[in-house]
């Protein structure tokens, strides 16, 4: 019996586009991070790899910075989760350009360049301020402690999912 449904064949091989960028919509966060990181001074990240040597070829520092910044921007901070998302997240895969560093490599890169990352984030905040994306100012927080007449146990045990305490 013929139907008018679209064909559904899960086992069919899929031809992917020539570039991963064709899968992301215009204005995606990954494009912004890609372009922004390319404008920053990354010379401190390259300094460690200068001179060559007999060790394994490291991943490109700009690619590693882009993956970490995209991970931070999307709320992923753990190197294991970033490694997993490299296989699952199309935007992160596009930023990595087909590279799949292991979580240890991501962790070690972050640890080796911790001070350089703090300088990089200062550059990012300055760039965001120049673009009008953020306003910098003073934030004041009042740390005054006020005595109240609430029981600590009553405050904890009042939720809908909490178990009643025996009296």
N, C-alpha and C. Protein backbone atom coordinates (compact mmCIF):
# COMPACT_ATOMS: atom_id res chain seq x y z
N UNK A 1 0.84 -1.16 0.00
CA UNK A 1 0.00 0.00 0.00
C UNK A 1 0.90 1.24 0.00
N UNK A 2 0.89 2.04 -1.06
CA UNK A 2 1.74 3.23 -1.13
C UNK A 2 1.24 4.33 -0.18
N UNK A 3 2.21 5.06 0.40
CA UNK A 3 1.87 6.18 1.29
C UNK A 3 2.56 7.43 0.78
N UNK A 4 2.13 8.55 1.31
CA UNK A 4 2.73 9.82 0.90
C UNK A 4 3.77 10.31 1.92
N UNK A 5 4.16 9.43 2.86
CA UNK A 5 5.16 9.80 3.86
C UNK A 5 6.53 9.93 3.22
N UNK A 6 7.36 10.73 3.84
CA UNK A 6 8.75 10.82 3.40
C UNK A 6 9.44 9.51 3.71
N UNK A 7 10.40 9.13 2.90
CA UNK A 7 11.09 7.87 3.18
C UNK A 7 11.86 7.93 4.49
N UNK A 8 11.85 6.83 5.21
CA UNK A 8 12.57 6.73 6.48
C UNK A 8 13.44 5.48 6.42
N UNK A 9 14.75 5.71 6.28
CA UNK A 9 15.70 4.60 6.19
C UNK A 9 16.90 4.91 7.08
N UNK A 10 16.83 4.54 8.38
CA UNK A 10 17.90 4.88 9.32
C UNK A 10 19.27 4.31 8.94
N UNK A 11 19.32 3.22 8.22
CA UNK A 11 20.60 2.61 7.86
C UNK A 11 21.25 3.21 6.63
N UNK A 12 20.58 4.15 5.99
CA UNK A 12 21.11 4.76 4.77
C UNK A 12 22.31 5.64 5.08
N UNK A 13 23.34 5.51 4.27
CA UNK A 13 24.53 6.36 4.44
C UNK A 13 24.17 7.79 4.07
N UNK A 14 24.71 8.75 4.84
CA UNK A 14 24.38 10.15 4.63
C UNK A 14 25.60 10.88 4.07
N UNK A 15 25.40 11.63 3.03
CA UNK A 15 26.49 12.42 2.47
C UNK A 15 26.50 13.77 3.17
N UNK A 16 27.59 14.02 3.86
CA UNK A 16 27.71 15.28 4.60
C UNK A 16 28.18 16.38 3.68
N UNK A 17 27.89 17.63 4.01
CA UNK A 17 28.40 18.73 3.19
C UNK A 17 29.92 18.80 3.27
N UNK A 18 30.51 19.48 2.31
CA UNK A 18 31.97 19.58 2.25
C UNK A 18 32.54 20.32 3.46
N UNK A 19 31.79 21.25 4.03
CA UNK A 19 32.28 22.03 5.17
C UNK A 19 31.26 21.95 6.31
N UNK A 20 31.77 21.80 7.52
CA UNK A 20 30.89 21.77 8.69
C UNK A 20 30.16 23.09 8.88
N UNK A 21 30.74 24.17 8.38
CA UNK A 21 30.11 25.49 8.51
C UNK A 21 28.76 25.52 7.82
N UNK A 22 28.55 24.66 6.83
CA UNK A 22 27.27 24.64 6.12
C UNK A 22 26.13 24.14 6.99
N UNK A 23 26.44 23.49 8.10
CA UNK A 23 25.41 22.95 8.98
C UNK A 23 24.99 23.94 10.06
N UNK A 24 25.82 24.94 10.34
CA UNK A 24 25.49 25.91 11.39
C UNK A 24 24.80 27.13 10.80
N UNK A 25 23.80 27.67 11.49
CA UNK A 25 23.12 28.86 10.96
C UNK A 25 24.01 30.09 11.06
N UNK A 26 23.77 31.09 10.20
CA UNK A 26 24.55 32.32 10.29
C UNK A 26 24.34 32.99 11.66
N UNK A 27 25.39 33.58 12.19
CA UNK A 27 25.31 34.26 13.48
C UNK A 27 25.46 33.34 14.68
N UNK A 28 25.84 32.09 14.47
CA UNK A 28 26.02 31.14 15.57
C UNK A 28 27.21 31.57 16.42
N UNK A 29 27.13 31.24 17.71
CA UNK A 29 28.19 31.60 18.67
C UNK A 29 29.56 31.07 18.22
N UNK A 30 29.59 29.92 17.59
CA UNK A 30 30.87 29.33 17.16
C UNK A 30 31.59 30.23 16.16
N UNK A 31 30.86 30.88 15.26
CA UNK A 31 31.48 31.79 14.30
C UNK A 31 32.09 32.99 15.03
N UNK A 32 31.36 33.51 16.01
CA UNK A 32 31.86 34.66 16.77
C UNK A 32 33.15 34.30 17.50
N UNK A 33 33.16 33.15 18.17
CA UNK A 33 34.36 32.73 18.90
C UNK A 33 35.51 32.48 17.94
N UNK A 34 35.23 31.85 16.81
CA UNK A 34 36.27 31.60 15.81
C UNK A 34 36.92 32.91 15.34
N UNK A 35 36.09 33.88 14.98
CA UNK A 35 36.61 35.16 14.50
C UNK A 35 37.29 35.96 15.61
N UNK A 36 36.72 35.91 16.82
CA UNK A 36 37.26 36.69 17.93
C UNK A 36 38.64 36.17 18.34
N UNK A 37 38.78 34.86 18.47
CA UNK A 37 40.07 34.29 18.89
C UNK A 37 41.15 34.59 17.85
N UNK A 38 40.76 34.60 16.57
CA UNK A 38 41.74 34.90 15.53
C UNK A 38 42.25 36.34 15.59
N UNK A 39 41.51 37.26 16.22
CA UNK A 39 41.95 38.65 16.33
C UNK A 39 42.82 38.90 17.57
N UNK A 40 42.83 37.96 18.51
CA UNK A 40 43.57 38.16 19.76
C UNK A 40 45.04 37.78 19.61
N UNK A 41 45.84 38.26 20.53
CA UNK A 41 47.27 37.95 20.55
C UNK A 41 47.47 36.62 21.26
N UNK A 42 47.80 35.58 20.50
CA UNK A 42 48.00 34.24 21.06
C UNK A 42 49.47 33.83 21.10
N UNK A 43 50.37 34.81 20.99
CA UNK A 43 51.80 34.50 20.90
C UNK A 43 52.30 33.75 22.13
N UNK A 44 51.73 34.00 23.30
CA UNK A 44 52.16 33.29 24.52
C UNK A 44 51.82 31.80 24.45
N UNK A 45 50.76 31.44 23.74
CA UNK A 45 50.40 30.03 23.59
C UNK A 45 51.37 29.31 22.64
N UNK A 46 51.86 30.06 21.64
CA UNK A 46 52.76 29.46 20.64
C UNK A 46 54.19 29.33 21.18
N UNK A 47 54.55 30.11 22.19
CA UNK A 47 55.93 30.15 22.68
C UNK A 47 56.41 28.78 23.15
N UNK A 48 55.55 28.00 23.76
CA UNK A 48 55.95 26.69 24.29
C UNK A 48 56.34 25.72 23.17
N UNK A 49 55.73 25.86 22.00
CA UNK A 49 55.97 24.91 20.90
C UNK A 49 57.08 25.35 19.95
N UNK A 50 57.70 26.50 20.21
CA UNK A 50 58.76 26.98 19.32
C UNK A 50 60.00 26.11 19.48
N UNK A 51 60.74 25.97 18.42
CA UNK A 51 61.98 25.22 18.47
C UNK A 51 61.84 23.77 18.07
N UNK A 52 60.61 23.30 17.90
CA UNK A 52 60.41 21.91 17.47
C UNK A 52 60.88 20.93 18.52
N UNK A 53 61.51 19.88 18.07
CA UNK A 53 62.00 18.87 18.98
C UNK A 53 61.47 17.51 18.59
N UNK A 54 61.84 16.51 19.35
CA UNK A 54 61.48 15.14 19.01
C UNK A 54 60.15 14.70 19.61
N UNK A 55 59.50 15.56 20.41
CA UNK A 55 58.24 15.15 21.05
C UNK A 55 57.11 15.07 20.03
N UNK A 56 56.00 14.51 20.44
CA UNK A 56 54.84 14.42 19.57
C UNK A 56 54.37 15.81 19.15
N UNK A 57 53.80 15.89 17.99
CA UNK A 57 53.28 17.18 17.54
C UNK A 57 52.07 17.55 18.37
N UNK A 58 52.09 18.71 19.00
CA UNK A 58 50.93 19.12 19.80
C UNK A 58 49.82 19.65 18.88
N UNK A 59 48.62 19.72 19.44
CA UNK A 59 47.50 20.31 18.70
C UNK A 59 47.74 21.81 18.57
N UNK A 60 47.17 22.40 17.55
CA UNK A 60 47.34 23.83 17.29
C UNK A 60 46.77 24.63 18.46
N UNK A 61 47.54 25.56 19.02
CA UNK A 61 47.08 26.32 20.18
C UNK A 61 45.79 27.11 19.92
N UNK A 62 45.63 27.69 18.73
CA UNK A 62 44.41 28.45 18.45
C UNK A 62 43.19 27.55 18.51
N UNK A 63 43.32 26.32 18.01
CA UNK A 63 42.21 25.38 18.06
C UNK A 63 41.87 25.01 19.50
N UNK A 64 42.89 24.78 20.31
CA UNK A 64 42.65 24.42 21.71
C UNK A 64 41.99 25.56 22.47
N UNK A 65 42.43 26.79 22.20
CA UNK A 65 41.84 27.95 22.86
C UNK A 65 40.38 28.10 22.44
N UNK A 66 40.09 27.92 21.16
CA UNK A 66 38.72 28.04 20.67
C UNK A 66 37.81 27.01 21.32
N UNK A 67 38.28 25.76 21.45
CA UNK A 67 37.44 24.75 22.09
C UNK A 67 37.18 25.08 23.55
N UNK A 68 38.20 25.51 24.27
CA UNK A 68 38.01 25.84 25.68
C UNK A 68 37.09 27.05 25.86
N UNK A 69 37.28 28.08 25.05
CA UNK A 69 36.43 29.27 25.17
C UNK A 69 34.98 28.93 24.82
N UNK A 70 34.78 28.12 23.78
CA UNK A 70 33.41 27.72 23.43
C UNK A 70 32.80 26.86 24.55
N UNK A 71 33.60 25.98 25.12
CA UNK A 71 33.12 25.19 26.24
C UNK A 71 32.70 26.07 27.41
N UNK A 72 33.55 27.04 27.77
CA UNK A 72 33.22 27.95 28.86
C UNK A 72 31.97 28.77 28.54
N UNK A 73 31.86 29.24 27.30
CA UNK A 73 30.72 30.07 26.92
C UNK A 73 29.41 29.30 26.95
N UNK A 74 29.47 27.99 26.78
CA UNK A 74 28.25 27.17 26.79
C UNK A 74 28.07 26.42 28.10
N UNK A 75 28.90 26.73 29.10
CA UNK A 75 28.73 26.14 30.42
C UNK A 75 29.39 24.79 30.62
N UNK A 76 30.32 24.43 29.76
CA UNK A 76 31.03 23.15 29.89
C UNK A 76 32.47 23.46 30.29
N UNK A 77 32.86 23.07 31.50
CA UNK A 77 34.18 23.39 32.01
C UNK A 77 35.08 22.17 32.15
N UNK A 78 34.50 21.02 32.26
CA UNK A 78 35.24 19.78 32.48
C UNK A 78 35.86 19.29 31.18
N UNK A 79 37.14 18.91 31.23
CA UNK A 79 37.83 18.46 30.02
C UNK A 79 37.22 17.17 29.47
N UNK A 80 36.72 16.29 30.33
CA UNK A 80 36.07 15.07 29.86
C UNK A 80 34.79 15.39 29.10
N UNK A 81 34.04 16.36 29.59
CA UNK A 81 32.80 16.74 28.90
C UNK A 81 33.09 17.44 27.57
N UNK A 82 34.16 18.23 27.55
CA UNK A 82 34.54 18.88 26.29
C UNK A 82 34.93 17.82 25.28
N UNK A 83 35.69 16.81 25.71
CA UNK A 83 36.07 15.72 24.80
C UNK A 83 34.83 15.01 24.26
N UNK A 84 33.86 14.73 25.13
CA UNK A 84 32.64 14.06 24.70
C UNK A 84 31.85 14.93 23.72
N UNK A 85 31.79 16.23 24.01
CA UNK A 85 31.03 17.14 23.14
C UNK A 85 31.71 17.34 21.79
N UNK A 86 33.01 17.09 21.70
CA UNK A 86 33.68 17.16 20.40
C UNK A 86 33.08 16.15 19.42
N UNK A 87 32.56 15.06 19.94
CA UNK A 87 31.94 14.05 19.09
C UNK A 87 30.45 14.29 18.89
N UNK A 88 29.83 15.08 19.78
CA UNK A 88 28.38 15.26 19.75
C UNK A 88 27.92 16.63 19.27
N UNK A 89 28.71 17.66 19.53
CA UNK A 89 28.31 19.04 19.25
C UNK A 89 28.93 19.49 17.93
N UNK A 90 28.09 19.82 16.98
CA UNK A 90 28.57 20.19 15.65
C UNK A 90 29.41 21.48 15.68
N UNK A 91 29.00 22.45 16.50
CA UNK A 91 29.74 23.71 16.58
C UNK A 91 31.15 23.49 17.13
N UNK A 92 31.26 22.69 18.16
CA UNK A 92 32.57 22.40 18.74
C UNK A 92 33.43 21.61 17.75
N UNK A 93 32.81 20.72 17.03
CA UNK A 93 33.53 19.95 16.01
C UNK A 93 34.05 20.87 14.90
N UNK A 94 33.23 21.87 14.53
CA UNK A 94 33.65 22.83 13.50
C UNK A 94 34.85 23.65 14.00
N UNK A 95 34.81 24.08 15.27
CA UNK A 95 35.92 24.84 15.82
C UNK A 95 37.20 24.01 15.90
N UNK A 96 37.06 22.72 16.16
CA UNK A 96 38.22 21.84 16.27
C UNK A 96 38.73 21.40 14.90
N UNK A 97 37.98 21.66 13.85
CA UNK A 97 38.39 21.36 12.46
C UNK A 97 38.79 19.90 12.27
N UNK A 98 37.98 19.00 12.82
CA UNK A 98 38.25 17.59 12.61
C UNK A 98 39.26 16.99 13.56
N UNK A 99 39.74 17.73 14.53
CA UNK A 99 40.67 17.22 15.53
C UNK A 99 39.88 16.76 16.75
N UNK A 100 40.35 15.70 17.40
CA UNK A 100 39.68 15.18 18.58
C UNK A 100 40.68 14.94 19.70
N UNK A 101 41.15 16.01 20.37
CA UNK A 101 42.09 15.80 21.47
C UNK A 101 41.41 15.08 22.64
N UNK A 102 42.16 14.27 23.33
CA UNK A 102 41.66 13.55 24.50
C UNK A 102 41.54 14.51 25.68
N UNK A 103 40.80 14.09 26.69
CA UNK A 103 40.57 14.96 27.84
C UNK A 103 41.87 15.30 28.56
N UNK A 104 42.84 14.39 28.58
CA UNK A 104 44.13 14.69 29.21
C UNK A 104 44.86 15.81 28.48
N UNK A 105 44.78 15.79 27.16
CA UNK A 105 45.43 16.83 26.36
C UNK A 105 44.79 18.18 26.65
N UNK A 106 43.46 18.21 26.72
CA UNK A 106 42.75 19.45 27.02
C UNK A 106 43.10 19.92 28.42
N UNK A 107 43.11 19.01 29.38
CA UNK A 107 43.45 19.35 30.76
C UNK A 107 44.87 19.88 30.87
N UNK A 108 45.82 19.19 30.23
CA UNK A 108 47.22 19.61 30.31
C UNK A 108 47.43 20.97 29.64
N UNK A 109 46.76 21.20 28.51
CA UNK A 109 46.89 22.48 27.83
C UNK A 109 46.39 23.60 28.74
N UNK A 110 45.26 23.38 29.38
CA UNK A 110 44.71 24.39 30.29
C UNK A 110 45.65 24.62 31.46
N UNK A 111 46.21 23.56 32.03
CA UNK A 111 47.10 23.69 33.19
C UNK A 111 48.41 24.38 32.81
N UNK A 112 48.97 24.05 31.65
CA UNK A 112 50.23 24.65 31.23
C UNK A 112 50.10 26.14 30.92
N UNK A 113 48.91 26.55 30.49
CA UNK A 113 48.71 27.93 30.06
C UNK A 113 47.75 28.69 30.96
N UNK A 114 47.68 28.34 32.23
CA UNK A 114 46.72 28.96 33.13
C UNK A 114 46.93 30.48 33.24
N UNK A 115 48.16 30.92 33.40
CA UNK A 115 48.43 32.36 33.51
C UNK A 115 48.14 33.07 32.19
N UNK A 116 48.45 32.41 31.10
CA UNK A 116 48.21 33.00 29.78
C UNK A 116 46.70 33.16 29.55
N UNK A 117 45.91 32.20 30.06
CA UNK A 117 44.45 32.28 29.91
C UNK A 117 43.89 33.49 30.65
N UNK A 118 44.45 33.82 31.81
CA UNK A 118 43.94 34.99 32.52
C UNK A 118 44.18 36.26 31.71
N UNK A 119 45.33 36.35 31.04
CA UNK A 119 45.59 37.50 30.17
C UNK A 119 44.67 37.49 28.95
N UNK A 120 44.39 36.30 28.44
CA UNK A 120 43.50 36.18 27.29
C UNK A 120 42.10 36.67 27.62
N UNK A 121 41.60 36.33 28.81
CA UNK A 121 40.26 36.75 29.16
C UNK A 121 40.19 38.25 29.39
N UNK A 122 41.29 38.87 29.81
CA UNK A 122 41.32 40.33 29.88
C UNK A 122 41.18 40.91 28.48
N UNK A 123 41.85 40.32 27.49
CA UNK A 123 41.71 40.76 26.10
C UNK A 123 40.27 40.60 25.61
N UNK A 124 39.63 39.49 25.99
CA UNK A 124 38.26 39.23 25.56
C UNK A 124 37.31 40.26 26.15
N UNK A 125 37.47 40.59 27.43
CA UNK A 125 36.60 41.58 28.07
C UNK A 125 36.81 42.95 27.43
N UNK A 126 38.05 43.31 27.13
CA UNK A 126 38.31 44.59 26.46
C UNK A 126 37.66 44.63 25.08
N UNK A 127 37.77 43.54 24.34
CA UNK A 127 37.16 43.47 23.02
C UNK A 127 35.63 43.57 23.12
N UNK A 128 35.05 42.89 24.10
CA UNK A 128 33.59 42.95 24.29
C UNK A 128 33.16 44.36 24.67
N UNK A 129 33.96 45.05 25.45
CA UNK A 129 33.63 46.43 25.83
C UNK A 129 33.70 47.35 24.61
N UNK A 130 34.73 47.16 23.77
CA UNK A 130 34.85 47.96 22.55
C UNK A 130 33.67 47.74 21.60
N UNK A 131 33.16 46.51 21.59
CA UNK A 131 32.04 46.18 20.72
C UNK A 131 30.70 46.60 21.32
N UNK A 132 30.71 47.06 22.56
CA UNK A 132 29.48 47.48 23.21
C UNK A 132 28.65 46.33 23.76
N UNK A 133 29.28 45.18 23.96
CA UNK A 133 28.55 44.01 24.45
C UNK A 133 28.43 43.99 25.96
N UNK A 134 29.35 44.66 26.66
CA UNK A 134 29.31 44.70 28.11
C UNK A 134 29.59 46.12 28.58
N UNK A 135 29.08 46.41 29.79
CA UNK A 135 29.41 47.66 30.45
C UNK A 135 30.16 47.31 31.72
N UNK A 136 31.29 47.94 31.92
CA UNK A 136 32.08 47.68 33.11
C UNK A 136 31.79 48.76 34.13
N UNK A 137 31.67 48.34 35.38
CA UNK A 137 31.38 49.28 36.45
C UNK A 137 31.72 48.65 37.79
N UNK A 138 31.24 49.28 38.84
CA UNK A 138 31.49 48.79 40.18
C UNK A 138 30.26 48.06 40.69
N UNK A 139 30.48 46.91 41.29
CA UNK A 139 29.40 46.15 41.90
C UNK A 139 29.68 46.12 43.39
N UNK A 140 28.69 46.53 44.18
CA UNK A 140 28.84 46.52 45.64
C UNK A 140 27.88 45.50 46.22
N UNK A 141 28.39 44.69 47.12
CA UNK A 141 27.57 43.67 47.76
C UNK A 141 27.58 43.95 49.25
N UNK A 142 26.40 43.98 49.83
CA UNK A 142 26.26 44.22 51.26
C UNK A 142 26.32 42.88 51.97
N UNK A 143 27.23 42.70 52.88
CA UNK A 143 27.39 41.44 53.59
C UNK A 143 26.85 41.49 55.01
N UNK A 144 25.87 42.36 55.26
CA UNK A 144 25.32 42.50 56.60
C UNK A 144 24.57 41.24 57.01
N UNK A 145 24.81 40.76 58.22
CA UNK A 145 24.10 39.60 58.75
C UNK A 145 22.98 40.11 59.66
N UNK A 146 21.81 39.55 59.46
CA UNK A 146 20.64 39.96 60.24
C UNK A 146 20.14 38.75 61.01
N UNK A 147 19.90 38.92 62.32
CA UNK A 147 19.40 37.84 63.13
C UNK A 147 17.92 37.65 62.82
N UNK A 148 17.51 36.40 62.65
CA UNK A 148 16.12 36.12 62.31
C UNK A 148 15.57 35.09 63.28
N UNK A 149 14.25 34.96 63.28
CA UNK A 149 13.57 34.03 64.17
C UNK A 149 13.10 32.80 63.40
N UNK A 150 13.93 32.25 62.54
CA UNK A 150 13.57 31.06 61.78
C UNK A 150 14.44 29.90 62.23
N UNK A 151 13.83 28.75 62.36
CA UNK A 151 14.56 27.55 62.74
C UNK A 151 15.27 26.98 61.53
N UNK A 152 16.51 26.62 61.69
CA UNK A 152 17.25 26.05 60.59
C UNK A 152 16.61 24.75 60.12
N UNK A 153 16.11 23.94 61.02
CA UNK A 153 15.49 22.66 60.65
C UNK A 153 14.17 22.88 59.93
N UNK A 154 13.39 23.85 60.34
CA UNK A 154 12.12 24.12 59.68
C UNK A 154 12.36 24.63 58.26
N UNK A 155 13.38 25.44 58.09
CA UNK A 155 13.67 26.00 56.77
C UNK A 155 14.11 24.91 55.80
N UNK A 156 14.84 23.91 56.30
CA UNK A 156 15.32 22.84 55.44
C UNK A 156 14.21 21.85 55.11
N UNK A 157 13.34 21.53 56.07
CA UNK A 157 12.36 20.47 55.91
C UNK A 157 11.02 20.96 55.36
N UNK A 158 10.95 22.13 54.76
CA UNK A 158 9.67 22.63 54.27
C UNK A 158 9.45 22.41 52.79
N UNK A 159 10.35 21.78 52.10
CA UNK A 159 10.20 21.56 50.66
C UNK A 159 9.20 20.46 50.37
N UNK A 160 8.67 20.43 49.15
CA UNK A 160 7.68 19.43 48.76
C UNK A 160 8.30 18.04 48.69
N UNK A 161 9.60 17.95 48.42
CA UNK A 161 10.25 16.65 48.29
C UNK A 161 10.95 16.21 49.56
N UNK A 162 10.89 17.04 50.59
CA UNK A 162 11.63 16.70 51.80
C UNK A 162 10.85 15.70 52.65
N UNK A 163 11.59 14.93 53.42
CA UNK A 163 10.99 13.94 54.32
C UNK A 163 10.69 14.61 55.65
N UNK A 164 9.49 14.40 56.20
CA UNK A 164 9.19 15.04 57.49
C UNK A 164 10.12 14.53 58.59
N UNK A 165 10.53 15.42 59.47
CA UNK A 165 11.40 15.06 60.58
C UNK A 165 10.55 14.51 61.72
N UNK A 166 11.05 13.49 62.38
CA UNK A 166 10.30 12.98 63.55
C UNK A 166 10.32 14.00 64.67
N UNK A 167 9.20 14.15 65.39
CA UNK A 167 9.18 15.13 66.47
C UNK A 167 9.58 14.55 67.78
